[in-house]
C-alpha atoms as a PDB file:
ATOM      1  CA  MET A   1     117.465  83.262 -22.625  1.00  0.00           C
ATOM      2  CA  CYS A   2     115.938  79.689 -23.097  1.00  0.00           C
ATOM      3  CA  ASP A   3     111.842  79.606 -23.746  1.00  0.00           C
ATOM      4  CA  LEU A   4     110.455  76.268 -22.288  1.00  0.00           C
ATOM      5  CA  ARG A   5     106.976  77.228 -23.482  1.00  0.00           C
ATOM      6  CA  GLY A   6     105.296  73.852 -24.609  1.00  0.00           C
ATOM      7  CA  VAL A   7     108.727  72.183 -23.824  1.00  0.00           C
ATOM      8  CA  GLU A   8     107.874  68.119 -22.070  1.00  0.00           C
ATOM      9  CA  ALA A   9     108.788  67.846 -18.670  1.00  0.00           C
ATOM     10  CA  ASP A  10     110.805  64.600 -19.301  1.00  0.00           C
ATOM     11  CA  CYS A  11     114.297  63.417 -18.549  1.00  0.00           C
ATOM     12  CA  ALA A  12     115.230  64.413 -21.756  1.00  0.00           C
ATOM     13  CA  THR A  13     114.295  67.921 -21.490  1.00  0.00           C
ATOM     14  CA  VAL A  14     116.252  67.913 -17.700  1.00  0.00           C
ATOM     15  CA  ASP A  15     119.446  66.194 -19.746  1.00  0.00           C
ATOM     16  CA  ALA A  16     119.349  68.830 -22.435  1.00  0.00           C
ATOM     17  CA  VAL A  17     118.941  71.901 -20.083  1.00  0.00           C
ATOM     18  CA  ALA A  18     121.568  71.040 -17.907  1.00  0.00           C
ATOM     19  CA  ARG A  19     123.669  70.137 -21.024  1.00  0.00           C
ATOM     20  CA  LEU A  20     123.018  73.881 -22.093  1.00  0.00           C
ATOM     21  CA  HIS A  21     123.345  75.553 -18.403  1.00  0.00           C
ATOM     22  CA  LEU A  22     126.735  73.669 -18.349  1.00  0.00           C
ATOM     23  CA  ALA A  23     128.013  74.754 -21.828  1.00  0.00           C
ATOM     24  CA  ALA A  24     126.385  78.470 -21.122  1.00  0.00           C
ATOM     25  CA  ARG A  25     128.621  78.610 -17.830  1.00  0.00           C
ATOM     26  CA  ARG A  26     131.773  77.244 -19.402  1.00  0.00           C
ATOM     27  CA  ALA A  27     131.535  79.670 -22.179  1.00  0.00           C
ATOM     28  CA  GLY A  28     131.200  82.350 -19.602  1.00  0.00           C
ATOM     29  CA  PHE A  29     127.223  83.039 -20.186  1.00  0.00           C
ATOM     30  CA  GLU A  30     124.450  83.248 -17.825  1.00  0.00           C
ATOM     31  CA  LEU A  31     121.533  80.709 -18.989  1.00  0.00           C
ATOM     32  CA  ASN A  32     118.046  82.525 -18.213  1.00  0.00           C
ATOM     33  CA  LEU A  33     115.113  79.912 -18.172  1.00  0.00           C
ATOM     34  CA  ARG A  34     111.861  81.107 -18.818  1.00  0.00           C
ATOM     35  CA  GLU A  35     107.921  80.053 -19.209  1.00  0.00           C
ATOM     36  CA  ALA A  36     108.671  76.446 -17.822  1.00  0.00           C
ATOM     37  CA  SER A  37     105.601  74.683 -16.879  1.00  0.00           C
ATOM     38  CA  GLN A  38     105.164  73.756 -13.379  1.00  0.00           C
ATOM     39  CA  GLU A  39     105.601  70.334 -14.318  1.00  0.00           C
ATOM     40  CA  LEU A  40     109.282  71.083 -15.401  1.00  0.00           C
ATOM     41  CA  ARG A  41     109.718  73.337 -12.641  1.00  0.00           C
ATOM     42  CA  ASP A  42     109.134  70.431 -10.177  1.00  0.00           C
ATOM     43  CA  LEU A  43     111.222  67.721 -12.297  1.00  0.00           C
ATOM     44  CA  LEU A  44     113.997  69.782 -12.084  1.00  0.00           C
ATOM     45  CA  ALA A  45     113.277  70.450  -8.240  1.00  0.00           C
ATOM     46  CA  PHE A  46     112.919  66.911  -8.040  1.00  0.00           C
ATOM     47  CA  THR A  47     116.570  66.176  -9.478  1.00  0.00           C
ATOM     48  CA  GLY A  48     118.184  68.900  -7.254  1.00  0.00           C
ATOM     49  CA  LEU A  49     118.513  71.437 -10.772  1.00  0.00           C
ATOM     50  CA  SER A  50     116.089  74.098  -9.867  1.00  0.00           C
ATOM     51  CA  GLY A  51     118.703  75.750  -7.476  1.00  0.00           C
ATOM     52  CA  VAL A  52     121.464  75.218  -9.930  1.00  0.00           C
ATOM     53  CA  LEU A  53     119.869  76.840 -12.838  1.00  0.00           C
ATOM     54  CA  GLY A  54     117.938  79.656 -11.263  1.00  0.00           C
ATOM     55  CA  LEU A  55     114.323  78.548 -10.856  1.00  0.00           C
ATOM     56  CA  GLU A  56     112.105  79.721  -8.505  1.00  0.00           C
ATOM     57  CA  PRO A  57     109.002  77.905  -7.195  1.00  0.00           C
ATOM     58  CA  GLY A  58     107.449  80.389  -9.364  1.00  0.00           C
ATOM     59  CA  GLY A  59     109.355  79.641 -12.256  1.00  0.00           C
ATOM     60  CA  LYS A  60     111.349  83.152 -12.813  1.00  0.00           C
ATOM     61  CA  PRO A  61     115.050  83.254 -12.658  1.00  0.00           C
ATOM     62  CA  GLU A  62     115.958  83.935  -9.162  1.00  0.00           C
ATOM     63  CA  GLU A  63     119.406  86.589  -8.947  1.00  0.00           C
ATOM     64  CA  ARG A  64     122.193  84.245  -9.607  1.00  0.00           C
ATOM     65  CA  LYS A  65     124.593  83.901  -6.638  1.00  0.00           C
ATOM     66  CA  ASP A  66     127.867  81.853  -6.273  1.00  0.00           C
ATOM     67  CA  PRO A  67     127.673  78.496  -6.133  1.00  0.00           C
ATOM     68  CA  PRO A  68     127.187  77.492  -2.862  1.00  0.00           C
ATOM     69  CA  GLY A  69     130.143  75.907  -1.262  1.00  0.00           C
ATOM     70  CA  VAL A  70     131.192  75.740   2.475  1.00  0.00           C
ATOM     71  CA  GLU A  71     130.434  78.798   4.654  1.00  0.00           C
ATOM     72  CA  GLU A  72     132.385  77.835   7.631  1.00  0.00           C
ATOM     73  CA  GLU A  73     134.807  75.002   8.987  1.00  0.00           C
ATOM     74  CA  ARG A  74     134.934  73.937  12.754  1.00  0.00           C
ATOM     75  CA  GLN A  75     135.884  70.897  14.448  1.00  0.00           C
ATOM     76  CA  LEU A  76     133.211  68.605  16.094  1.00  0.00           C
ATOM     77  CA  ARG A  77     133.601  68.014  19.740  1.00  0.00           C
ATOM     78  CA  ASP A  78     134.557  64.081  20.931  1.00  0.00           C
ATOM     79  CA  PRO A  79     130.928  63.598  22.307  1.00  0.00           C
ATOM     80  CA  ALA A  80     131.084  63.289  26.274  1.00  0.00           C
ATOM     81  CA  ALA A  81     131.506  60.180  27.681  1.00  0.00           C
END
């Protein structure tokens, strides 16, 4: 668990959280983020990391799911001439 209370919302924090998350995943652990400020949640959403890190708009971790992947493959049809 990582308590982000009082942590500044800047690029250095985003980098540190992303690296911590990656290290935890590689070691077989799940990183839970708590008490992130609205500004930090907004910045993580802007970078596209809020979903990866399991942050909901309200700042509470969501239930972890497998990383998104290709759910369905299909052939695109040639456009009608």
